[in-house]
N, C-alpha and C. Protein backbone atom coordinates (compact mmCIF):
# COMPACT_ATOMS: atom_id res chain seq x y z
N MET A 1 111.85 97.09 98.71
CA MET A 1 111.65 98.38 99.82
C MET A 1 110.30 98.50 99.70
N PHE A 2 109.43 97.94 98.67
CA PHE A 2 107.84 97.94 98.50
C PHE A 2 107.41 96.64 98.50
N ALA A 3 107.81 95.46 98.80
CA ALA A 3 107.06 94.37 98.83
C ALA A 3 105.99 94.03 99.53
N SER A 4 105.06 93.57 99.31
CA SER A 4 103.47 93.64 99.95
C SER A 4 103.84 92.85 101.22
N ALA A 5 103.17 93.62 102.22
CA ALA A 5 103.52 93.18 103.50
C ALA A 5 102.95 91.60 103.62
N LYS A 6 103.28 91.03 104.80
CA LYS A 6 102.86 89.48 105.36
C LYS A 6 101.08 89.49 105.76
N GLY A 7 100.64 89.07 105.14
CA GLY A 7 99.44 88.42 105.35
C GLY A 7 98.36 89.40 104.32
N ARG A 8 98.96 90.07 103.59
CA ARG A 8 98.48 90.86 102.32
C ARG A 8 98.20 89.99 101.45
N SER A 9 96.87 90.39 100.62
CA SER A 9 96.33 89.30 99.25
C SER A 9 97.64 89.67 98.37
N PRO A 10 98.00 88.45 97.58
CA PRO A 10 99.20 88.77 97.06
C PRO A 10 98.57 89.30 95.56
N THR A 11 99.61 90.35 94.99
CA THR A 11 99.54 91.01 93.79
C THR A 11 99.91 90.30 92.53
N ILE A 12 99.24 90.15 91.49
CA ILE A 12 99.37 89.25 90.23
C ILE A 12 100.18 90.39 89.50
N THR A 13 101.45 90.35 89.14
CA THR A 13 102.34 91.56 88.48
C THR A 13 102.01 91.45 86.99
N ASN A 14 101.39 90.17 86.64
CA ASN A 14 101.38 89.81 85.37
C ASN A 14 100.07 90.36 84.90
N ALA A 15 98.97 90.85 85.94
CA ALA A 15 97.59 91.37 85.52
C ALA A 15 97.89 92.88 84.76
N PRO A 16 96.93 93.39 84.15
CA PRO A 16 96.96 94.53 83.66
C PRO A 16 96.71 95.42 84.79
N PHE A 17 97.25 96.71 84.82
CA PHE A 17 97.36 97.77 85.64
C PHE A 17 95.91 98.17 86.02
N SER A 18 95.08 98.02 84.71
CA SER A 18 93.63 98.69 85.15
C SER A 18 92.96 97.87 86.04
N GLY A 19 93.11 96.41 85.92
CA GLY A 19 92.76 95.22 87.12
C GLY A 19 93.22 95.71 88.26
N VAL A 20 94.15 95.82 88.66
CA VAL A 20 94.66 96.46 90.22
C VAL A 20 93.99 97.51 90.40
N LEU A 21 93.84 98.49 89.57
CA LEU A 21 93.01 99.71 89.73
C LEU A 21 91.71 99.50 90.37
N LEU A 22 91.12 98.78 89.56
CA LEU A 22 90.08 98.34 89.83
C LEU A 22 89.59 97.58 90.99
N SER A 23 90.71 96.91 91.41
CA SER A 23 90.26 96.09 92.67
C SER A 23 90.89 97.09 93.88
N ALA A 24 91.68 98.02 93.79
CA ALA A 24 91.87 98.77 94.91
C ALA A 24 90.82 100.41 94.99
N GLN A 25 90.13 100.13 93.85
CA GLN A 25 88.91 101.09 93.88
C GLN A 25 87.80 100.47 94.57
N ALA A 26 87.68 98.84 94.97
CA ALA A 26 86.66 98.30 95.32
C ALA A 26 86.89 98.36 96.73
N LYS A 27 88.30 98.19 96.86
CA LYS A 27 88.88 98.06 98.59
C LYS A 27 88.47 99.56 99.26
N ALA A 28 88.59 100.33 98.49
CA ALA A 28 88.17 101.58 98.86
C ALA A 28 86.96 102.28 98.90
N SER A 29 86.04 101.65 98.15
CA SER A 29 84.45 101.81 98.00
C SER A 29 84.36 101.14 99.52
N GLU A 30 84.54 99.64 100.04
CA GLU A 30 84.11 99.11 100.77
C GLU A 30 84.74 100.04 102.23
N THR A 31 85.77 100.63 102.14
CA THR A 31 86.12 101.10 103.41
C THR A 31 85.49 102.52 103.57
N GLN A 32 85.06 103.23 102.64
CA GLN A 32 84.21 104.69 102.49
C GLN A 32 82.90 104.19 103.08
N ALA A 33 82.40 102.95 102.75
CA ALA A 33 81.06 102.56 103.21
C ALA A 33 80.89 102.36 104.64
N VAL A 34 81.75 101.89 105.51
CA VAL A 34 81.76 101.62 106.58
C VAL A 34 82.48 102.81 107.96
N ALA A 35 83.12 104.07 107.00
CA ALA A 35 83.44 105.08 107.35
C ALA A 35 82.68 105.54 108.44
N PRO A 36 83.10 106.01 109.56
CA PRO A 36 82.31 106.80 110.78
C PRO A 36 81.98 107.97 110.27
N SER A 37 80.57 108.71 110.91
CA SER A 37 80.28 110.25 110.76
C SER A 37 81.44 110.99 111.39
N PRO A 38 81.28 112.43 110.96
CA PRO A 38 82.30 113.21 111.60
C PRO A 38 82.07 112.98 113.33
N ASP A 39 83.13 113.32 114.02
CA ASP A 39 82.79 113.35 115.16
C ASP A 39 82.15 113.87 116.12
N ALA A 40 80.68 113.82 116.33
CA ALA A 40 79.87 114.65 117.22
C ALA A 40 80.14 115.20 118.07
N ALA A 41 81.19 113.90 119.11
CA ALA A 41 81.33 114.62 120.38
C ALA A 41 82.88 115.82 120.34
N ALA A 42 83.49 115.43 119.45
CA ALA A 42 84.63 116.89 119.19
C ALA A 42 83.84 117.64 118.93
N VAL A 43 82.71 118.01 118.06
CA VAL A 43 82.14 119.32 117.60
C VAL A 43 81.31 119.59 119.00
N ALA A 44 80.85 118.78 119.80
CA ALA A 44 80.16 119.40 120.97
C ALA A 44 81.29 120.17 121.86
N ALA A 45 82.33 119.39 122.10
CA ALA A 45 83.37 119.54 123.22
C ALA A 45 84.05 121.06 122.88
N LEU A 46 84.41 121.10 121.62
CA LEU A 46 84.99 122.52 120.97
C LEU A 46 84.00 123.39 120.72
N SER A 47 82.62 123.36 120.58
CA SER A 47 81.59 124.17 120.85
C SER A 47 81.58 124.96 122.09
N ALA A 48 81.29 123.53 123.31
CA ALA A 48 81.20 124.12 124.35
C ALA A 48 82.35 125.08 125.04
N ALA A 49 83.49 124.65 124.74
CA ALA A 49 84.80 125.34 125.16
C ALA A 49 85.05 126.79 124.88
N LEU A 50 84.72 126.71 123.40
CA LEU A 50 84.77 128.14 122.82
C LEU A 50 83.76 129.06 123.06
N SER A 51 82.37 128.43 123.66
CA SER A 51 81.56 129.28 124.18
C SER A 51 82.17 130.06 125.19
N GLN A 52 82.66 128.89 126.20
CA GLN A 52 82.73 129.49 127.47
C GLN A 52 83.87 130.57 127.47
N PHE A 53 84.74 130.46 127.02
CA PHE A 53 85.62 131.69 126.49
C PHE A 53 85.35 132.65 125.63
N GLY A 54 84.38 132.86 125.19
CA GLY A 54 83.85 133.63 124.52
C GLY A 54 84.44 133.76 123.19
N ILE A 55 84.53 132.78 122.41
CA ILE A 55 85.35 132.79 120.78
C ILE A 55 84.16 132.31 120.18
N SER A 56 83.64 133.37 119.18
CA SER A 56 82.25 133.29 118.27
C SER A 56 83.12 132.68 117.15
N VAL A 57 82.26 131.84 116.64
CA VAL A 57 82.14 131.07 115.47
C VAL A 57 80.84 130.85 114.60
N PRO A 58 80.69 131.42 113.07
CA PRO A 58 81.28 131.71 112.50
C PRO A 58 82.13 133.33 112.90
N PRO A 59 83.13 133.66 112.57
CA PRO A 59 83.81 133.07 111.24
C PRO A 59 84.51 131.69 111.55
N ALA A 60 84.86 130.92 110.88
CA ALA A 60 85.43 129.52 110.86
C ALA A 60 86.51 129.95 111.21
N LEU A 61 87.11 128.79 111.98
CA LEU A 61 88.02 128.63 112.61
C LEU A 61 89.05 127.95 111.87
N ARG A 62 90.21 128.21 111.45
CA ARG A 62 91.58 127.66 111.04
C ARG A 62 92.54 127.33 112.11
N ILE A 63 92.51 125.92 112.54
CA ILE A 63 93.43 125.63 113.62
C ILE A 63 94.32 124.85 113.14
N THR A 64 95.63 125.62 112.97
CA THR A 64 97.09 125.20 112.45
C THR A 64 98.01 124.53 113.56
N THR A 65 98.93 123.77 113.26
CA THR A 65 100.17 123.28 114.24
C THR A 65 101.55 124.24 114.05
N GLY A 66 101.55 124.84 115.15
CA GLY A 66 102.91 125.82 115.25
C GLY A 66 103.77 124.99 116.04
N ALA A 67 105.03 125.82 116.55
CA ALA A 67 106.27 125.41 116.62
C ALA A 67 105.43 125.18 118.70
N ASN A 68 104.65 125.85 118.74
CA ASN A 68 104.16 125.70 120.60
C ASN A 68 102.75 125.12 120.25
N GLY A 69 102.61 124.08 119.23
CA GLY A 69 101.11 123.22 119.39
C GLY A 69 100.11 124.27 118.36
N LEU A 70 98.93 123.76 119.03
CA LEU A 70 97.95 124.33 117.99
C LEU A 70 97.86 125.88 118.29
N GLU A 71 96.99 126.42 117.23
CA GLU A 71 97.05 127.91 117.31
C GLU A 71 96.14 128.22 115.94
N LEU A 72 95.43 129.62 116.30
CA LEU A 72 94.79 130.31 115.33
C LEU A 72 95.84 131.19 114.55
N SER A 73 96.64 130.78 113.96
CA SER A 73 97.54 131.84 112.97
C SER A 73 97.06 132.87 112.21
N GLY A 74 97.62 134.26 112.59
CA GLY A 74 96.91 135.15 112.37
C GLY A 74 95.56 135.41 112.21
N ASP A 75 94.68 135.33 113.53
CA ASP A 75 93.85 135.24 114.13
C ASP A 75 93.86 136.01 115.17
N ASN A 76 92.89 137.05 115.50
CA ASN A 76 92.79 137.88 116.61
C ASN A 76 92.03 137.17 117.98
N ARG A 77 91.39 135.93 117.37
CA ARG A 77 91.00 134.98 118.41
C ARG A 77 91.77 134.31 119.35
N ASN A 78 93.33 134.13 118.69
CA ASN A 78 94.15 133.06 118.97
C ASN A 78 94.83 133.15 120.56
N ALA A 79 94.72 134.66 121.24
CA ALA A 79 94.89 134.42 122.62
C ALA A 79 93.93 133.77 123.69
N LYS A 80 92.66 134.07 123.32
CA LYS A 80 91.42 133.30 123.79
C LYS A 80 91.57 131.76 123.85
N PHE A 81 91.90 131.41 122.30
CA PHE A 81 91.98 130.31 122.09
C PHE A 81 93.03 129.47 122.85
N GLN A 82 94.16 129.62 123.13
CA GLN A 82 95.29 129.62 123.61
C GLN A 82 94.69 129.02 125.15
N ALA A 83 94.09 130.14 126.02
CA ALA A 83 93.79 130.03 127.12
C ALA A 83 92.59 128.88 127.24
N MET A 84 91.90 128.52 126.34
CA MET A 84 90.95 127.57 126.03
C MET A 84 91.74 126.46 126.12
N LEU A 85 92.54 126.13 125.08
CA LEU A 85 93.59 124.87 125.21
C LEU A 85 94.25 124.52 126.59
N GLN A 86 94.56 125.61 127.36
CA GLN A 86 95.42 125.31 128.56
C GLN A 86 94.09 124.81 129.64
N ALA A 87 93.05 125.49 129.47
CA ALA A 87 92.19 125.09 130.52
C ALA A 87 91.36 123.58 130.31
N ASN A 88 91.67 122.96 128.90
CA ASN A 88 91.05 121.97 128.29
C ASN A 88 92.22 120.71 127.57
N PRO A 89 93.07 120.49 128.37
CA PRO A 89 93.93 119.78 127.86
C PRO A 89 93.38 118.55 127.16
N ALA A 90 92.11 117.91 127.82
CA ALA A 90 91.81 116.63 127.15
C ALA A 90 91.24 116.84 125.84
N LEU A 91 90.59 118.11 125.71
CA LEU A 91 90.14 118.92 124.16
C LEU A 91 91.40 118.82 123.03
N GLU A 92 92.41 119.25 123.88
CA GLU A 92 93.52 119.67 122.96
C GLU A 92 94.34 118.26 122.14
N THR A 93 94.05 117.46 123.25
CA THR A 93 94.47 115.78 123.16
C THR A 93 93.68 115.35 121.84
N THR A 94 92.49 115.31 121.86
CA THR A 94 91.54 115.13 120.98
C THR A 94 91.88 115.51 119.52
N LEU A 95 91.91 117.00 119.64
CA LEU A 95 92.26 117.64 118.53
C LEU A 95 93.62 117.19 117.62
N ASN A 96 94.50 116.99 118.56
CA ASN A 96 95.75 116.58 118.06
C ASN A 96 95.65 114.98 117.59
N GLY A 97 94.95 114.29 118.41
CA GLY A 97 94.47 112.99 117.65
C GLY A 97 93.71 112.59 116.27
N MET A 98 92.61 113.72 115.98
CA MET A 98 92.15 113.98 114.77
C MET A 98 92.98 114.12 113.85
N ILE A 99 94.28 114.96 113.83
CA ILE A 99 95.09 115.58 113.17
C ILE A 99 96.38 113.97 112.71
N GLY A 100 96.33 113.39 113.82
CA GLY A 100 97.38 112.14 113.82
C GLY A 100 96.50 111.10 112.85
N GLN A 101 95.36 110.89 113.25
CA GLN A 101 94.99 109.94 112.32
C GLN A 101 94.69 110.26 110.95
N GLN A 102 94.22 111.28 110.46
CA GLN A 102 94.30 111.39 108.92
C GLN A 102 95.66 111.37 108.68
N ASP A 103 96.41 111.71 109.56
CA ASP A 103 98.24 111.48 108.99
C ASP A 103 98.47 110.17 108.62
N MET A 104 98.22 109.42 109.78
CA MET A 104 98.46 108.24 109.55
C MET A 104 97.69 107.37 108.29
N ALA A 105 96.10 107.61 108.17
CA ALA A 105 95.54 107.41 107.04
C ALA A 105 96.23 107.77 105.78
N ARG A 106 96.80 108.93 105.63
CA ARG A 106 97.24 109.38 104.64
C ARG A 106 98.41 108.70 103.85
N LYS A 107 99.48 108.27 104.85
CA LYS A 107 100.61 107.66 104.59
C LYS A 107 100.41 106.28 104.30
N ASN A 108 99.29 105.67 104.83
CA ASN A 108 98.91 104.11 104.62
C ASN A 108 98.35 104.03 103.19
N ALA A 109 97.63 105.10 102.94
CA ALA A 109 96.98 105.25 101.30
C ALA A 109 98.08 105.25 100.29
N LEU A 110 98.97 106.38 100.65
CA LEU A 110 99.71 106.49 99.51
C LEU A 110 100.98 105.18 99.50
N LYS A 111 100.99 104.53 100.48
CA LYS A 111 102.12 103.40 100.61
C LYS A 111 101.70 102.23 99.67
N ASP A 112 100.12 101.90 99.62
CA ASP A 112 99.13 100.92 99.49
C ASP A 112 99.03 101.20 98.06
N VAL A 113 98.76 102.41 97.54
CA VAL A 113 98.53 102.58 96.15
C VAL A 113 100.06 102.42 95.68
N VAL A 114 101.38 102.57 95.80
CA VAL A 114 102.53 102.28 95.42
C VAL A 114 102.89 100.59 95.44
N ARG A 115 102.36 100.11 96.69
CA ARG A 115 102.56 98.75 96.27
C ARG A 115 101.75 97.90 95.24
N ASP A 116 100.59 98.46 95.46
CA ASP A 116 99.74 97.99 94.25
C ASP A 116 100.29 98.38 92.76
N PHE A 117 100.65 99.43 92.70
CA PHE A 117 101.43 99.74 91.45
C PHE A 117 102.79 98.78 91.00
N LEU A 118 103.71 98.70 92.02
CA LEU A 118 104.77 97.71 91.82
C LEU A 118 104.64 96.42 91.53
N GLY A 119 103.81 96.04 92.55
CA GLY A 119 103.51 94.56 92.68
C GLY A 119 104.47 93.99 93.47
N LYS A 120 104.58 92.46 93.61
CA LYS A 120 105.47 91.73 94.05
C LYS A 120 106.78 91.80 94.24
N SER A 121 107.30 92.12 92.96
CA SER A 121 108.57 92.36 92.69
C SER A 121 108.53 93.52 91.41
N SER A 122 110.01 94.37 91.17
CA SER A 122 109.85 95.33 90.56
C SER A 122 111.47 95.62 90.09
N SER A 123 111.60 96.32 89.18
CA SER A 123 113.26 96.44 88.73
C SER A 123 113.34 98.04 89.63
N PRO A 124 114.86 98.04 89.46
CA PRO A 124 115.28 99.38 90.29
C PRO A 124 114.68 100.65 89.34
N GLY A 125 114.64 100.22 88.28
CA GLY A 125 113.87 101.66 87.53
C GLY A 125 112.63 101.98 87.86
N MET A 126 111.62 101.11 88.27
CA MET A 126 110.70 101.33 88.70
C MET A 126 110.38 101.69 90.23
N GLU A 127 111.64 101.10 91.11
CA GLU A 127 111.57 101.46 92.34
C GLU A 127 111.99 103.05 92.46
N ALA A 128 112.79 103.31 91.38
CA ALA A 128 113.29 104.92 91.68
C ALA A 128 112.09 105.67 91.16
N PHE A 129 111.21 105.24 90.66
CA PHE A 129 110.02 106.21 89.98
C PHE A 129 109.31 106.08 91.04
N ALA A 130 109.02 105.00 92.19
CA ALA A 130 108.30 104.83 93.12
C ALA A 130 108.37 105.55 94.23
N ALA A 131 109.93 105.79 94.23
CA ALA A 131 110.42 106.54 95.50
C ALA A 131 110.02 107.92 95.00
N ASP A 132 110.50 108.65 94.10
CA ASP A 132 110.34 109.77 93.46
C ASP A 132 108.69 109.99 93.80
N PHE A 133 107.91 109.07 93.51
CA PHE A 133 106.62 109.60 93.93
C PHE A 133 106.07 109.72 95.25
N LEU A 134 106.73 109.14 95.85
CA LEU A 134 106.78 108.92 97.38
C LEU A 134 106.79 110.22 97.97
N ASP A 135 108.26 110.88 97.49
CA ASP A 135 108.65 112.07 97.78
C ASP A 135 107.86 113.48 97.45
N GLU A 136 107.38 113.17 96.37
CA GLU A 136 106.19 114.27 95.99
C GLU A 136 105.29 114.49 96.37
N GLU A 137 104.39 113.31 97.14
CA GLU A 137 103.19 113.34 97.57
C GLU A 137 103.17 113.57 99.06
N ALA A 138 104.39 113.57 99.53
CA ALA A 138 104.66 113.59 101.09
C ALA A 138 104.30 115.00 101.42
N ASN A 139 103.60 114.92 102.94
CA ASN A 139 102.79 116.35 103.17
C ASN A 139 102.97 116.12 104.65
N ASP A 140 103.24 116.84 105.59
CA ASP A 140 103.17 116.77 107.11
C ASP A 140 102.32 118.06 107.65
N THR A 141 101.84 118.92 106.50
CA THR A 141 101.29 119.88 106.84
C THR A 141 99.86 120.45 107.20
N TYR A 142 99.44 119.98 108.03
CA TYR A 142 97.62 120.06 108.51
C TYR A 142 97.01 121.06 109.29
N SER A 143 95.92 121.24 109.37
CA SER A 143 95.24 122.03 109.88
C SER A 143 94.08 121.34 110.07
N LEU A 144 93.00 122.09 111.04
CA LEU A 144 91.59 121.51 111.34
C LEU A 144 90.66 122.55 111.11
N SER A 145 89.81 122.76 110.48
CA SER A 145 88.69 123.85 110.09
C SER A 145 87.38 123.27 110.88
N PHE A 146 86.86 124.41 111.37
CA PHE A 146 85.64 124.45 112.25
C PHE A 146 84.80 125.62 111.86
N ASN A 147 83.60 125.08 111.71
CA ASN A 147 82.43 126.24 111.02
C ASN A 147 81.32 126.32 112.06
N GLY A 148 81.57 125.97 113.35
CA GLY A 148 80.47 126.15 114.32
C GLY A 148 79.50 124.63 114.34
N ALA A 149 79.61 123.73 113.19
CA ALA A 149 78.68 122.61 113.12
C ALA A 149 79.31 121.49 112.58
N ALA A 150 80.49 121.78 112.06
CA ALA A 150 81.45 120.38 111.81
C ALA A 150 82.85 120.74 111.90
N ILE A 151 83.59 119.93 112.08
CA ILE A 151 85.14 119.83 112.12
C ILE A 151 85.64 118.78 111.09
N GLY A 152 87.01 119.57 110.69
CA GLY A 152 87.59 118.41 109.36
C GLY A 152 89.17 118.75 109.44
N VAL A 153 90.33 117.86 108.91
CA VAL A 153 91.34 117.92 109.06
C VAL A 153 91.70 118.15 107.34
N ASP A 154 92.61 119.16 106.81
CA ASP A 154 92.78 119.33 105.93
C ASP A 154 94.21 119.40 105.75
N GLU A 155 94.71 119.46 104.62
CA GLU A 155 96.07 119.26 104.10
C GLU A 155 96.70 120.56 103.31
N MET A 156 97.75 121.06 103.63
CA MET A 156 98.42 121.90 102.60
C MET A 156 98.67 121.53 101.39
N GLY A 157 97.81 122.14 100.04
CA GLY A 157 98.39 121.65 98.96
C GLY A 157 98.81 122.98 97.92
N ALA A 158 99.00 122.72 96.64
CA ALA A 158 99.44 123.72 96.09
C ALA A 158 99.00 124.77 95.82
N LYS A 159 97.51 124.85 96.23
CA LYS A 159 96.75 125.82 95.96
C LYS A 159 96.35 126.26 97.35
N GLY A 160 96.84 125.64 98.55
CA GLY A 160 96.16 125.85 99.70
C GLY A 160 95.59 124.95 100.36
N TRP A 161 94.58 125.10 101.50
CA TRP A 161 94.35 124.00 102.29
C TRP A 161 93.02 123.32 101.36
N GLN A 162 93.33 122.04 101.23
CA GLN A 162 92.19 120.97 100.91
C GLN A 162 92.39 120.03 101.45
N PRO A 163 91.01 118.90 100.98
CA PRO A 163 90.75 117.84 102.20
C PRO A 163 92.14 116.76 101.97
N VAL A 164 92.30 116.37 103.21
CA VAL A 164 93.53 115.02 102.96
C VAL A 164 93.36 114.48 101.95
N LYS A 165 94.18 113.88 101.26
CA LYS A 165 94.19 112.76 99.97
C LYS A 165 93.90 111.54 100.34
N ASP A 166 93.18 110.71 99.70
CA ASP A 166 92.93 109.34 100.22
C ASP A 166 93.57 108.30 98.75
N THR A 167 92.83 107.34 98.94
CA THR A 167 93.83 106.28 97.94
C THR A 167 93.11 106.68 96.53
N LYS A 168 92.04 107.08 96.35
CA LYS A 168 91.44 107.63 95.06
C LYS A 168 92.27 108.68 94.64
N ASP A 169 92.57 109.81 95.44
CA ASP A 169 93.25 110.70 94.93
C ASP A 169 94.67 110.71 94.51
N PHE A 170 95.46 109.24 95.39
CA PHE A 170 96.84 108.83 94.84
C PHE A 170 96.71 108.29 93.73
N ARG A 171 95.91 107.34 93.73
CA ARG A 171 95.80 106.59 91.96
C ARG A 171 95.72 107.46 91.23
N ALA A 172 94.83 108.52 90.96
CA ALA A 172 94.92 109.82 90.22
C ALA A 172 96.05 110.42 90.03
N ASP A 173 96.60 110.77 90.59
CA ASP A 173 98.09 111.36 90.77
C ASP A 173 99.21 110.44 90.27
N LEU A 174 98.96 109.11 90.64
CA LEU A 174 100.06 108.27 90.12
C LEU A 174 100.17 107.81 88.69
N LEU A 175 98.49 107.59 88.13
CA LEU A 175 98.62 107.79 86.73
C LEU A 175 99.02 108.81 85.95
N ALA A 176 98.94 110.24 86.36
CA ALA A 176 99.51 111.17 85.85
C ALA A 176 100.88 111.23 85.86
N ALA A 177 101.54 110.71 87.17
CA ALA A 177 102.91 110.86 87.02
C ALA A 177 103.47 109.92 86.11
N TYR A 178 102.90 108.88 86.18
CA TYR A 178 103.31 107.66 85.34
C TYR A 178 103.25 107.71 83.64
N THR A 179 102.51 108.42 83.66
CA THR A 179 101.96 109.33 82.55
C THR A 179 102.88 109.98 81.68
N LYS A 180 103.42 110.85 82.46
CA LYS A 180 104.56 111.92 82.58
C LYS A 180 105.77 110.95 82.11
N TYR A 181 106.29 110.07 83.03
CA TYR A 181 107.11 109.11 83.08
C TYR A 181 107.42 108.52 81.66
N GLN A 182 106.37 107.80 81.19
CA GLN A 182 106.48 107.38 79.73
C GLN A 182 106.66 108.34 78.78
N VAL A 183 106.20 109.32 78.94
CA VAL A 183 106.55 110.28 77.99
C VAL A 183 108.12 110.74 77.64
N THR A 184 108.48 111.24 79.09
CA THR A 184 110.09 111.19 79.33
C THR A 184 110.87 110.18 79.09
N HIS A 185 110.40 108.83 79.18
CA HIS A 185 111.53 107.59 78.86
C HIS A 185 111.15 107.15 77.50
N ALA A 186 110.06 107.87 77.01
CA ALA A 186 109.80 107.19 75.58
C ALA A 186 109.49 105.48 75.83
N VAL A 187 108.44 104.92 76.42
CA VAL A 187 108.50 103.49 76.61
C VAL A 187 108.11 103.07 75.23
N THR A 188 108.65 101.96 75.00
CA THR A 188 108.48 101.19 73.98
C THR A 188 108.79 99.75 73.95
N VAL A 189 107.78 98.95 72.81
CA VAL A 189 108.04 97.37 72.89
C VAL A 189 109.45 96.87 72.21
N GLU A 190 109.67 98.08 71.18
CA GLU A 190 110.65 97.11 70.31
C GLU A 190 112.35 97.38 70.72
N LYS A 191 112.36 98.31 71.47
CA LYS A 191 113.96 98.41 71.74
C LYS A 191 114.19 99.45 73.02
N ARG A 192 115.26 99.12 73.91
CA ARG A 192 115.35 99.97 74.96
C ARG A 192 115.44 101.21 74.97
N LYS A 193 114.75 102.19 75.69
CA LYS A 193 115.29 103.65 75.33
C LYS A 193 115.88 104.09 76.48
N ASP A 194 116.26 103.44 77.63
CA ASP A 194 116.82 103.85 78.97
C ASP A 194 117.52 102.68 79.55
N ASP A 195 117.90 102.82 80.70
CA ASP A 195 118.75 101.59 81.19
C ASP A 195 118.18 100.63 82.00
N ASP A 196 117.02 100.68 82.03
CA ASP A 196 116.17 99.56 82.45
C ASP A 196 116.58 97.95 81.84
N ASP A 197 116.30 97.10 82.74
CA ASP A 197 116.13 96.07 81.94
C ASP A 197 115.13 95.50 81.48
N ASN A 198 115.29 94.07 80.85
CA ASN A 198 114.05 93.73 79.67
C ASN A 198 112.53 93.73 81.04
N ARG A 199 113.13 93.07 81.80
CA ARG A 199 111.74 92.59 82.66
C ARG A 199 111.14 94.18 82.84
N ASP A 200 111.74 95.23 83.39
CA ASP A 200 111.23 96.41 83.44
C ASP A 200 110.56 96.73 82.33
N LEU A 201 111.18 97.05 81.19
CA LEU A 201 110.88 97.58 80.05
C LEU A 201 109.36 96.89 79.57
N GLY A 202 109.27 95.17 79.80
CA GLY A 202 108.05 94.87 79.54
C GLY A 202 106.73 95.12 80.70
N LEU A 203 107.34 95.43 81.72
CA LEU A 203 106.16 95.82 82.69
C LEU A 203 105.85 97.20 82.50
N LYS A 204 106.60 98.09 82.05
CA LYS A 204 106.20 99.51 81.77
C LYS A 204 105.29 99.59 80.17
N SER A 205 105.55 98.59 79.32
CA SER A 205 104.83 98.55 78.25
C SER A 205 103.44 98.01 78.55
N ARG A 206 103.30 97.03 79.13
CA ARG A 206 102.18 96.49 79.83
C ARG A 206 101.44 97.61 80.69
N LEU A 207 101.89 98.33 81.53
CA LEU A 207 101.35 99.29 82.03
C LEU A 207 100.94 100.44 81.19
N ALA A 208 101.41 100.58 79.96
CA ALA A 208 101.34 101.79 79.00
C ALA A 208 100.06 101.14 78.42
N GLU A 209 99.85 100.35 78.10
CA GLU A 209 98.43 99.79 77.63
C GLU A 209 97.40 99.71 78.36
N ALA A 210 97.63 99.44 79.92
CA ALA A 210 96.66 99.43 80.64
C ALA A 210 96.25 100.79 80.86
N LEU A 211 97.00 101.42 80.93
CA LEU A 211 96.62 103.23 81.00
C LEU A 211 95.88 103.77 80.06
N LYS A 212 96.19 103.11 78.62
CA LYS A 212 95.34 103.80 77.72
C LYS A 212 94.11 103.13 77.70
N LYS A 213 93.81 101.99 78.11
CA LYS A 213 92.29 101.59 78.43
C LYS A 213 91.63 102.27 79.95
N ASP A 214 92.63 102.55 80.68
CA ASP A 214 91.70 103.31 81.65
C ASP A 214 91.27 104.52 81.20
N ASP A 215 92.47 105.29 80.53
CA ASP A 215 91.86 106.73 80.09
C ASP A 215 90.71 106.49 79.03
N GLY A 216 90.57 105.44 78.10
CA GLY A 216 89.29 105.43 77.38
C GLY A 216 88.15 105.03 78.02
N ALA A 217 88.03 104.52 79.45
CA ALA A 217 86.89 104.26 80.04
C ALA A 217 86.41 105.26 80.71
N VAL A 218 87.31 106.26 81.11
CA VAL A 218 86.82 107.38 82.06
C VAL A 218 85.85 108.18 81.13
């Protein structure tokens, strides 16, 4: 289910998980180094449209996605905002596109972290753990924040709106979830503690050692 896609560099399943994390972190740093700056064109277009319809910013806008599309939920500027969108369909498409791009990037980052964790082969026990992690981290609730100078996409988190998670965030979440999984299943190398096979037990014990090293390096 989570096997590496064709064309991806092979993952060495016998390597310590800390090595996999370092490799993933290096790839993330490379990606961040070439990431484009915030979309100045979108900021300029939105600012001009808001000004045309008499919508003042600040206070900052929180543009959410409702049943009928983009809206300023609970904001008395929403009526003017809806009129603005109707008059500027291209701008509405741009804003929806920004959310769609971040949603896709988030989903890809989550899948990549799980694939790196599992390697090229994995047991049913680890597949089940990964599936639970994917379900726990799933999020389809997004919004746009605009303060007059910058625009960004946020996701709904446990404590409210927060920046959309990336590879680094998912890697940290996975480490925390796996540590909890270890405690729950009492992973040891002496004997089996659950229904996993010997191959899975060996993998989990190696990951447990790697996690200890990673914790000590923080």
